[in-house]
Amino acid sequence: MNNIEFSVAEDKDLEEIFQVFSAAIEEMNRNNIPQWDEIYPSRDILQEDIEKKQLYIGKVNTEIACVFALNCYCDEEYADGKWEYPQATYKVIHRLCVNPKFQKQGIGTATLTYIEEQVKGEGVESIRLDAFSLNPFAQKMYNKQRYKIVGEVNWRKGKFYLMEKKL
């Protein structure tokens, strides 16, 4: 696997980030995974992530290989989760996206490992996220990294699994 350089995304990265998401949406549609579309994640959402300094990019050489948002925010539906570590401090991963040019090369797994190491170093005790039930690639990756399903929620695109990992 290639070396990935992670950094906080900046305004100048927005167009390339948006192109990565657009390519990923096309690839997911080819694989019958209707997870994202023109409504979500929108350019405005990504811009807001950048402004809040919560959007990160991973580059291989000079090209964006992955993008993710990381913060403490979770949708109100997360309250329905049967969290195994309800008192633990946590961060939430949102919008984890691997550029289709870099898929099936371990980038997603390497990104999760990077996130886990970073937040553990900050004293965070667990990671939470939601994963689309019809995305077998994401399910396989999260399961392999020992994320556990602790609930289900239904949003506009269908069923999502609430997942958690103790660090």
N, C-alpha and C. Protein backbone atom coordinates (compact mmCIF):
# COMPACT_ATOMS: atom_id res chain seq x y z
N MET A 1 0.83 -1.19 0.00
CA MET A 1 0.00 0.00 0.00
C MET A 1 0.88 1.25 0.00
N ASN A 2 0.37 2.28 -0.60
CA ASN A 2 1.10 3.55 -0.70
C ASN A 2 1.14 4.29 0.63
N ASN A 3 2.13 5.16 0.80
CA ASN A 3 2.16 6.03 1.96
C ASN A 3 1.12 7.12 1.79
N ILE A 4 0.37 7.37 2.87
CA ILE A 4 -0.68 8.37 2.83
C ILE A 4 -0.27 9.52 3.74
N GLU A 5 -0.35 10.73 3.22
CA GLU A 5 -0.08 11.94 4.02
C GLU A 5 -1.43 12.55 4.40
N PHE A 6 -1.73 12.55 5.69
CA PHE A 6 -3.00 13.09 6.16
C PHE A 6 -2.83 14.54 6.60
N SER A 7 -3.87 15.35 6.33
CA SER A 7 -3.86 16.74 6.77
C SER A 7 -5.29 17.26 6.84
N VAL A 8 -5.45 18.39 7.53
CA VAL A 8 -6.75 19.05 7.57
C VAL A 8 -6.98 19.67 6.20
N ALA A 9 -8.17 19.48 5.66
CA ALA A 9 -8.50 20.05 4.35
C ALA A 9 -8.58 21.57 4.44
N GLU A 10 -8.23 22.21 3.34
CA GLU A 10 -8.28 23.67 3.25
C GLU A 10 -9.20 24.08 2.11
N ASP A 11 -9.56 25.36 2.09
CA ASP A 11 -10.45 25.87 1.03
C ASP A 11 -9.95 25.49 -0.36
N LYS A 12 -8.66 25.57 -0.57
CA LYS A 12 -8.09 25.28 -1.90
C LYS A 12 -8.30 23.82 -2.33
N ASP A 13 -8.64 22.95 -1.37
CA ASP A 13 -8.84 21.54 -1.67
C ASP A 13 -10.29 21.21 -2.06
N LEU A 14 -11.20 22.15 -1.86
CA LEU A 14 -12.63 21.85 -2.00
C LEU A 14 -12.98 21.27 -3.36
N GLU A 15 -12.50 21.86 -4.43
CA GLU A 15 -12.89 21.37 -5.76
C GLU A 15 -12.43 19.93 -5.98
N GLU A 16 -11.19 19.62 -5.61
CA GLU A 16 -10.71 18.25 -5.77
C GLU A 16 -11.48 17.28 -4.86
N ILE A 17 -11.78 17.72 -3.65
CA ILE A 17 -12.56 16.89 -2.73
C ILE A 17 -13.93 16.59 -3.33
N PHE A 18 -14.56 17.63 -3.88
CA PHE A 18 -15.88 17.43 -4.48
C PHE A 18 -15.80 16.46 -5.66
N GLN A 19 -14.73 16.54 -6.43
CA GLN A 19 -14.55 15.61 -7.56
C GLN A 19 -14.37 14.17 -7.07
N VAL A 20 -13.66 14.00 -5.96
CA VAL A 20 -13.48 12.66 -5.39
C VAL A 20 -14.84 12.09 -4.99
N PHE A 21 -15.67 12.89 -4.31
CA PHE A 21 -17.00 12.42 -3.93
C PHE A 21 -17.85 12.12 -5.16
N SER A 22 -17.79 12.97 -6.17
CA SER A 22 -18.56 12.74 -7.39
C SER A 22 -18.16 11.43 -8.05
N ALA A 23 -16.87 11.16 -8.13
CA ALA A 23 -16.39 9.90 -8.72
C ALA A 23 -16.82 8.72 -7.86
N ALA A 24 -16.78 8.88 -6.54
CA ALA A 24 -17.19 7.80 -5.65
C ALA A 24 -18.69 7.51 -5.80
N ILE A 25 -19.49 8.55 -5.95
CA ILE A 25 -20.93 8.36 -6.14
C ILE A 25 -21.18 7.59 -7.44
N GLU A 26 -20.48 7.95 -8.52
CA GLU A 26 -20.63 7.21 -9.78
C GLU A 26 -20.26 5.75 -9.60
N GLU A 27 -19.15 5.49 -8.90
CA GLU A 27 -18.70 4.11 -8.66
C GLU A 27 -19.71 3.35 -7.81
N MET A 28 -20.25 3.98 -6.77
CA MET A 28 -21.26 3.32 -5.94
C MET A 28 -22.51 3.01 -6.76
N ASN A 29 -22.93 3.95 -7.60
CA ASN A 29 -24.11 3.71 -8.43
C ASN A 29 -23.88 2.53 -9.37
N ARG A 30 -22.66 2.40 -9.92
CA ARG A 30 -22.34 1.26 -10.78
C ARG A 30 -22.45 -0.06 -10.01
N ASN A 31 -22.22 0.01 -8.71
CA ASN A 31 -22.29 -1.19 -7.86
C ASN A 31 -23.63 -1.31 -7.12
N ASN A 32 -24.62 -0.54 -7.57
CA ASN A 32 -25.96 -0.57 -6.97
C ASN A 32 -25.94 -0.25 -5.48
N ILE A 33 -25.14 0.75 -5.12
CA ILE A 33 -25.08 1.23 -3.74
C ILE A 33 -25.57 2.68 -3.75
N PRO A 34 -26.88 2.89 -3.51
CA PRO A 34 -27.46 4.24 -3.61
C PRO A 34 -27.28 5.07 -2.32
N GLN A 35 -26.06 5.10 -1.82
CA GLN A 35 -25.79 5.73 -0.53
C GLN A 35 -25.77 7.25 -0.60
N TRP A 36 -25.09 7.80 -1.59
CA TRP A 36 -24.92 9.25 -1.71
C TRP A 36 -25.45 9.72 -3.05
N ASP A 37 -25.73 11.04 -3.13
CA ASP A 37 -26.25 11.61 -4.36
C ASP A 37 -25.96 13.10 -4.40
N GLU A 38 -26.68 13.82 -5.25
CA GLU A 38 -26.45 15.26 -5.39
C GLU A 38 -26.90 16.04 -4.14
N ILE A 39 -27.71 15.43 -3.31
CA ILE A 39 -28.19 16.10 -2.09
C ILE A 39 -27.19 15.94 -0.95
N TYR A 40 -26.64 14.74 -0.82
CA TYR A 40 -25.70 14.47 0.28
C TYR A 40 -24.61 13.53 -0.20
N PRO A 41 -23.37 13.85 0.06
CA PRO A 41 -22.88 15.07 0.71
C PRO A 41 -22.72 16.20 -0.31
N SER A 42 -23.25 17.33 -0.01
CA SER A 42 -23.22 18.47 -0.94
C SER A 42 -21.92 19.26 -0.79
N ARG A 43 -21.66 20.08 -1.77
CA ARG A 43 -20.49 20.97 -1.72
C ARG A 43 -20.57 21.87 -0.48
N ASP A 44 -21.79 22.32 -0.14
CA ASP A 44 -21.97 23.18 1.05
C ASP A 44 -21.60 22.45 2.33
N ILE A 45 -21.99 21.19 2.44
CA ILE A 45 -21.65 20.40 3.63
C ILE A 45 -20.13 20.26 3.74
N LEU A 46 -19.49 19.96 2.62
CA LEU A 46 -18.03 19.80 2.62
C LEU A 46 -17.34 21.12 2.95
N GLN A 47 -17.87 22.22 2.42
CA GLN A 47 -17.32 23.54 2.71
C GLN A 47 -17.44 23.84 4.21
N GLU A 48 -18.58 23.51 4.78
CA GLU A 48 -18.78 23.74 6.21
C GLU A 48 -17.80 22.90 7.04
N ASP A 49 -17.59 21.65 6.62
CA ASP A 49 -16.60 20.79 7.30
C ASP A 49 -15.22 21.44 7.27
N ILE A 50 -14.86 22.01 6.12
CA ILE A 50 -13.55 22.67 5.98
C ILE A 50 -13.47 23.88 6.91
N GLU A 51 -14.53 24.69 6.91
CA GLU A 51 -14.54 25.90 7.75
C GLU A 51 -14.40 25.55 9.23
N LYS A 52 -14.99 24.42 9.63
CA LYS A 52 -14.91 24.00 11.03
C LYS A 52 -13.62 23.23 11.33
N LYS A 53 -12.79 23.06 10.30
CA LYS A 53 -11.54 22.30 10.43
C LYS A 53 -11.80 20.87 10.89
N GLN A 54 -12.86 20.27 10.33
CA GLN A 54 -13.24 18.90 10.68
C GLN A 54 -13.15 17.96 9.48
N LEU A 55 -12.69 18.47 8.35
CA LEU A 55 -12.56 17.63 7.17
C LEU A 55 -11.08 17.36 6.94
N TYR A 56 -10.78 16.10 6.69
CA TYR A 56 -9.39 15.67 6.52
C TYR A 56 -9.23 15.00 5.17
N ILE A 57 -8.03 15.12 4.63
CA ILE A 57 -7.71 14.45 3.38
C ILE A 57 -6.47 13.60 3.58
N GLY A 58 -6.41 12.53 2.83
CA GLY A 58 -5.23 11.69 2.79
C GLY A 58 -4.73 11.69 1.36
N LYS A 59 -3.50 12.12 1.17
CA LYS A 59 -2.94 12.18 -0.19
C LYS A 59 -1.90 11.09 -0.40
N VAL A 60 -1.92 10.55 -1.59
CA VAL A 60 -0.88 9.65 -2.06
C VAL A 60 -0.18 10.42 -3.17
N ASN A 61 1.09 10.70 -2.95
CA ASN A 61 1.83 11.63 -3.81
C ASN A 61 1.10 12.97 -3.74
N THR A 62 0.55 13.46 -4.82
CA THR A 62 -0.12 14.76 -4.77
C THR A 62 -1.63 14.64 -4.95
N GLU A 63 -2.14 13.42 -5.00
CA GLU A 63 -3.56 13.22 -5.30
C GLU A 63 -4.33 12.79 -4.05
N ILE A 64 -5.54 13.33 -3.89
CA ILE A 64 -6.38 12.96 -2.76
C ILE A 64 -6.86 11.52 -2.94
N ALA A 65 -6.49 10.67 -1.98
CA ALA A 65 -6.87 9.26 -2.01
C ALA A 65 -8.08 8.99 -1.13
N CYS A 66 -8.25 9.81 -0.08
CA CYS A 66 -9.39 9.63 0.81
C CYS A 66 -9.75 10.94 1.50
N VAL A 67 -10.98 10.99 1.96
CA VAL A 67 -11.53 12.15 2.65
C VAL A 67 -12.40 11.64 3.79
N PHE A 68 -12.38 12.33 4.91
CA PHE A 68 -13.29 12.00 6.00
C PHE A 68 -13.50 13.21 6.89
N ALA A 69 -14.65 13.24 7.54
CA ALA A 69 -14.92 14.25 8.56
C ALA A 69 -14.85 13.56 9.91
N LEU A 70 -14.34 14.28 10.89
CA LEU A 70 -14.20 13.74 12.24
C LEU A 70 -14.56 14.82 13.24
N ASN A 71 -15.53 14.51 14.10
CA ASN A 71 -15.94 15.47 15.13
C ASN A 71 -16.66 14.73 16.25
N CYS A 72 -17.29 15.48 17.13
CA CYS A 72 -18.04 14.89 18.24
C CYS A 72 -19.55 14.90 17.98
N TYR A 73 -19.95 15.36 16.80
CA TYR A 73 -21.37 15.51 16.50
C TYR A 73 -21.97 14.19 15.99
N CYS A 74 -23.16 13.89 16.47
CA CYS A 74 -23.90 12.78 15.90
C CYS A 74 -25.37 13.17 15.76
N ASP A 75 -26.01 12.62 14.75
CA ASP A 75 -27.42 12.90 14.53
C ASP A 75 -28.24 12.42 15.72
N GLU A 76 -29.41 13.02 15.91
CA GLU A 76 -30.25 12.69 17.06
C GLU A 76 -30.62 11.21 17.08
N GLU A 77 -30.65 10.57 15.90
CA GLU A 77 -30.99 9.15 15.84
C GLU A 77 -29.95 8.27 16.54
N TYR A 78 -28.76 8.81 16.76
CA TYR A 78 -27.72 8.04 17.48
C TYR A 78 -28.19 7.71 18.90
N ALA A 79 -29.13 8.48 19.42
CA ALA A 79 -29.64 8.22 20.76
C ALA A 79 -30.30 6.84 20.84
N ASP A 80 -30.73 6.30 19.70
CA ASP A 80 -31.38 4.99 19.67
C ASP A 80 -30.39 3.84 19.71
N GLY A 81 -29.09 4.13 19.59
CA GLY A 81 -28.09 3.08 19.60
C GLY A 81 -27.95 2.44 20.97
N LYS A 82 -27.66 1.17 20.99
CA LYS A 82 -27.38 0.44 22.24
C LYS A 82 -25.86 0.44 22.44
N TRP A 83 -25.35 1.63 22.70
CA TRP A 83 -23.89 1.82 22.80
C TRP A 83 -23.33 0.99 23.94
N GLU A 84 -22.28 0.24 23.66
CA GLU A 84 -21.65 -0.59 24.68
C GLU A 84 -20.85 0.24 25.68
N TYR A 85 -20.42 1.40 25.24
CA TYR A 85 -19.59 2.27 26.09
C TYR A 85 -20.23 3.66 26.16
N PRO A 86 -21.43 3.75 26.75
CA PRO A 86 -22.16 5.02 26.73
C PRO A 86 -21.46 6.15 27.49
N GLN A 87 -20.61 5.82 28.45
CA GLN A 87 -19.92 6.85 29.22
C GLN A 87 -18.57 7.22 28.63
N ALA A 88 -18.13 6.48 27.63
CA ALA A 88 -16.81 6.72 27.04
C ALA A 88 -16.80 8.01 26.23
N THR A 89 -15.67 8.69 26.22
CA THR A 89 -15.51 9.83 25.31
C THR A 89 -15.39 9.25 23.90
N TYR A 90 -15.93 9.96 22.92
CA TYR A 90 -15.91 9.42 21.56
C TYR A 90 -15.77 10.52 20.52
N LYS A 91 -15.36 10.09 19.35
CA LYS A 91 -15.39 10.92 18.15
C LYS A 91 -16.23 10.16 17.14
N VAL A 92 -16.79 10.90 16.19
CA VAL A 92 -17.65 10.31 15.17
C VAL A 92 -17.03 10.53 13.80
N ILE A 93 -16.94 9.45 13.03
CA ILE A 93 -16.45 9.52 11.65
C ILE A 93 -17.66 9.73 10.74
N HIS A 94 -17.55 10.72 9.86
CA HIS A 94 -18.60 10.99 8.87
C HIS A 94 -17.97 11.02 7.48
N ARG A 95 -18.76 10.64 6.47
CA ARG A 95 -18.39 10.86 5.08
C ARG A 95 -17.02 10.29 4.70
N LEU A 96 -16.67 9.12 5.24
CA LEU A 96 -15.41 8.49 4.85
C LEU A 96 -15.53 8.05 3.40
N CYS A 97 -14.64 8.56 2.57
CA CYS A 97 -14.72 8.32 1.13
C CYS A 97 -13.32 8.01 0.59
N VAL A 98 -13.20 6.91 -0.13
CA VAL A 98 -11.94 6.58 -0.79
C VAL A 98 -12.12 6.87 -2.28
N ASN A 99 -11.19 7.63 -2.82
CA ASN A 99 -11.17 7.94 -4.24
C ASN A 99 -11.19 6.61 -5.02
N PRO A 100 -12.11 6.45 -5.99
CA PRO A 100 -12.18 5.19 -6.75
C PRO A 100 -10.84 4.77 -7.36
N LYS A 101 -9.98 5.73 -7.71
CA LYS A 101 -8.66 5.38 -8.26
C LYS A 101 -7.80 4.62 -7.27
N PHE A 102 -8.14 4.75 -5.97
CA PHE A 102 -7.33 4.14 -4.91
C PHE A 102 -8.06 3.02 -4.16
N GLN A 103 -9.25 2.66 -4.64
CA GLN A 103 -10.00 1.62 -3.94
C GLN A 103 -9.34 0.26 -4.12
N LYS A 104 -9.62 -0.62 -3.17
CA LYS A 104 -9.10 -1.99 -3.14
C LYS A 104 -7.58 -2.01 -2.99
N GLN A 105 -7.03 -0.98 -2.32
CA GLN A 105 -5.59 -0.90 -2.07
C GLN A 105 -5.29 -0.75 -0.57
N GLY A 106 -6.31 -0.91 0.28
CA GLY A 106 -6.10 -0.81 1.71
C GLY A 106 -6.15 0.62 2.26
N ILE A 107 -6.56 1.57 1.41
CA ILE A 107 -6.59 2.98 1.84
C ILE A 107 -7.62 3.19 2.94
N GLY A 108 -8.80 2.59 2.80
CA GLY A 108 -9.84 2.75 3.81
C GLY A 108 -9.40 2.21 5.16
N THR A 109 -8.82 1.03 5.16
CA THR A 109 -8.33 0.42 6.40
C THR A 109 -7.21 1.26 7.01
N ALA A 110 -6.28 1.72 6.17
CA ALA A 110 -5.18 2.56 6.67
C ALA A 110 -5.72 3.86 7.24
N THR A 111 -6.78 4.39 6.65
CA THR A 111 -7.38 5.63 7.14
C THR A 111 -8.02 5.40 8.51
N LEU A 112 -8.74 4.30 8.66
CA LEU A 112 -9.34 3.99 9.96
C LEU A 112 -8.25 3.83 11.02
N THR A 113 -7.18 3.14 10.69
CA THR A 113 -6.07 2.96 11.63
C THR A 113 -5.48 4.30 12.03
N TYR A 114 -5.29 5.19 11.05
CA TYR A 114 -4.77 6.53 11.33
C TYR A 114 -5.70 7.28 12.29
N ILE A 115 -7.00 7.27 11.99
CA ILE A 115 -7.98 7.97 12.83
C ILE A 115 -7.93 7.42 14.26
N GLU A 116 -7.95 6.10 14.37
CA GLU A 116 -7.94 5.47 15.69
C GLU A 116 -6.70 5.87 16.49
N GLU A 117 -5.55 5.85 15.86
CA GLU A 117 -4.31 6.22 16.55
C GLU A 117 -4.32 7.68 16.97
N GLN A 118 -4.81 8.55 16.09
CA GLN A 118 -4.84 9.98 16.40
C GLN A 118 -5.76 10.28 17.59
N VAL A 119 -6.97 9.76 17.54
CA VAL A 119 -7.92 10.11 18.61
C VAL A 119 -7.55 9.42 19.92
N LYS A 120 -6.97 8.22 19.84
CA LYS A 120 -6.52 7.54 21.06
C LYS A 120 -5.43 8.38 21.73
N GLY A 121 -4.56 8.97 20.91
CA GLY A 121 -3.51 9.85 21.43
C GLY A 121 -4.06 11.10 22.10
N GLU A 122 -5.29 11.47 21.74
CA GLU A 122 -5.95 12.63 22.36
C GLU A 122 -6.74 12.22 23.60
N GLY A 123 -6.71 10.94 23.94
CA GLY A 123 -7.45 10.46 25.11
C GLY A 123 -8.87 10.04 24.83
N VAL A 124 -9.27 10.01 23.57
CA VAL A 124 -10.62 9.58 23.19
C VAL A 124 -10.71 8.06 23.36
N GLU A 125 -11.83 7.59 23.91
CA GLU A 125 -11.95 6.18 24.27
C GLU A 125 -12.65 5.29 23.24
N SER A 126 -13.47 5.90 22.37
CA SER A 126 -14.17 5.09 21.37
C SER A 126 -14.48 5.91 20.12
N ILE A 127 -14.82 5.18 19.07
CA ILE A 127 -15.22 5.81 17.81
C ILE A 127 -16.61 5.30 17.46
N ARG A 128 -17.44 6.22 16.99
CA ARG A 128 -18.78 5.89 16.53
C ARG A 128 -18.92 6.30 15.07
N LEU A 129 -19.81 5.63 14.37
CA LEU A 129 -20.09 5.99 12.97
C LEU A 129 -21.38 5.31 12.56
N ASP A 130 -21.86 5.67 11.38
CA ASP A 130 -22.97 4.94 10.80
C ASP A 130 -22.55 4.50 9.41
N ALA A 131 -23.00 3.32 9.04
CA ALA A 131 -22.61 2.73 7.75
C ALA A 131 -23.86 2.25 7.03
N PHE A 132 -23.92 2.56 5.75
CA PHE A 132 -25.07 2.20 4.92
C PHE A 132 -25.19 0.68 4.82
N SER A 133 -26.37 0.16 5.10
CA SER A 133 -26.58 -1.29 5.12
C SER A 133 -26.38 -1.94 3.75
N LEU A 134 -26.54 -1.18 2.68
CA LEU A 134 -26.40 -1.73 1.33
C LEU A 134 -25.01 -1.50 0.73
N ASN A 135 -24.05 -1.15 1.57
CA ASN A 135 -22.68 -0.95 1.09
C ASN A 135 -21.81 -2.10 1.64
N PRO A 136 -21.70 -3.21 0.88
CA PRO A 136 -20.97 -4.37 1.39
C PRO A 136 -19.47 -4.09 1.58
N PHE A 137 -18.92 -3.16 0.81
CA PHE A 137 -17.49 -2.85 0.92
C PHE A 137 -17.21 -2.17 2.26
N ALA A 138 -18.06 -1.21 2.62
CA ALA A 138 -17.90 -0.54 3.91
C ALA A 138 -18.13 -1.52 5.06
N GLN A 139 -19.18 -2.35 4.94
CA GLN A 139 -19.48 -3.32 6.00
C GLN A 139 -18.28 -4.24 6.24
N LYS A 140 -17.71 -4.73 5.16
CA LYS A 140 -16.56 -5.65 5.28
C LYS A 140 -15.38 -4.95 5.97
N MET A 141 -15.11 -3.72 5.57
CA MET A 141 -13.98 -2.98 6.15
C MET A 141 -14.20 -2.72 7.64
N TYR A 142 -15.38 -2.25 8.01
CA TYR A 142 -15.63 -1.96 9.42
C TYR A 142 -15.61 -3.24 10.27
N ASN A 143 -16.18 -4.31 9.74
CA ASN A 143 -16.16 -5.58 10.47
C ASN A 143 -14.73 -6.06 10.68
N LYS A 144 -13.92 -5.97 9.63
CA LYS A 144 -12.52 -6.39 9.71
C LYS A 144 -11.76 -5.58 10.76
N GLN A 145 -12.14 -4.32 10.93
CA GLN A 145 -11.48 -3.45 11.91
C GLN A 145 -12.14 -3.53 13.30
N ARG A 146 -13.05 -4.49 13.46
CA ARG A 146 -13.69 -4.79 14.75
C ARG A 146 -14.68 -3.71 15.23
N TYR A 147 -15.33 -3.04 14.30
CA TYR A 147 -16.44 -2.17 14.68
C TYR A 147 -17.66 -3.05 14.87
N LYS A 148 -18.45 -2.76 15.90
CA LYS A 148 -19.61 -3.57 16.21
C LYS A 148 -20.89 -2.80 15.94
N ILE A 149 -21.87 -3.49 15.37
CA ILE A 149 -23.18 -2.88 15.13
C ILE A 149 -23.91 -2.79 16.46
N VAL A 150 -24.37 -1.58 16.79
CA VAL A 150 -25.07 -1.37 18.06
C VAL A 150 -26.48 -0.81 17.85
N GLY A 151 -26.90 -0.74 16.60
CA GLY A 151 -28.25 -0.25 16.33
C GLY A 151 -28.45 -0.01 14.85
N GLU A 152 -29.68 0.35 14.51
CA GLU A 152 -30.04 0.67 13.13
C GLU A 152 -30.87 1.94 13.12
N VAL A 153 -30.68 2.74 12.09
CA VAL A 153 -31.51 3.92 11.89
C VAL A 153 -31.92 3.98 10.42
N ASN A 154 -33.02 4.63 10.17
CA ASN A 154 -33.48 4.80 8.79
C ASN A 154 -33.44 6.27 8.43
N TRP A 155 -32.72 6.56 7.37
CA TRP A 155 -32.65 7.91 6.84
C TRP A 155 -33.18 7.89 5.42
N ARG A 156 -33.07 9.00 4.75
CA ARG A 156 -33.64 9.19 3.41
C ARG A 156 -33.25 8.06 2.44
N LYS A 157 -32.02 7.55 2.55
CA LYS A 157 -31.53 6.54 1.62
C LYS A 157 -31.76 5.11 2.09
N GLY A 158 -32.30 4.93 3.30
CA GLY A 158 -32.57 3.58 3.77
C GLY A 158 -31.95 3.32 5.13
N LYS A 159 -31.65 2.04 5.37
CA LYS A 159 -31.16 1.59 6.67
C LYS A 159 -29.65 1.78 6.78
N PHE A 160 -29.25 2.33 7.93
CA PHE A 160 -27.84 2.49 8.27
C PHE A 160 -27.60 1.80 9.59
N TYR A 161 -26.42 1.21 9.73
CA TYR A 161 -26.02 0.59 10.99
C TYR A 161 -25.24 1.58 11.82
N LEU A 162 -25.59 1.69 13.09
CA LEU A 162 -24.79 2.46 14.02
C LEU A 162 -23.68 1.52 14.49
N MET A 163 -22.45 2.01 14.48
CA MET A 163 -21.32 1.16 14.82
C MET A 163 -20.42 1.84 15.83
N GLU A 164 -19.70 1.02 16.60
CA GLU A 164 -18.85 1.54 17.66
C GLU A 164 -17.61 0.65 17.80
N LYS A 165 -16.52 1.29 18.18
CA LYS A 165 -15.30 0.55 18.49
C LYS A 165 -14.64 1.18 19.70
N LYS A 166 -14.31 0.36 20.68
CA LYS A 166 -13.58 0.80 21.86
C LYS A 166 -12.10 0.81 21.50
N LEU A 167 -11.44 1.91 21.83
CA LEU A 167 -10.02 2.02 21.49
C LEU A 167 -9.14 1.52 22.62
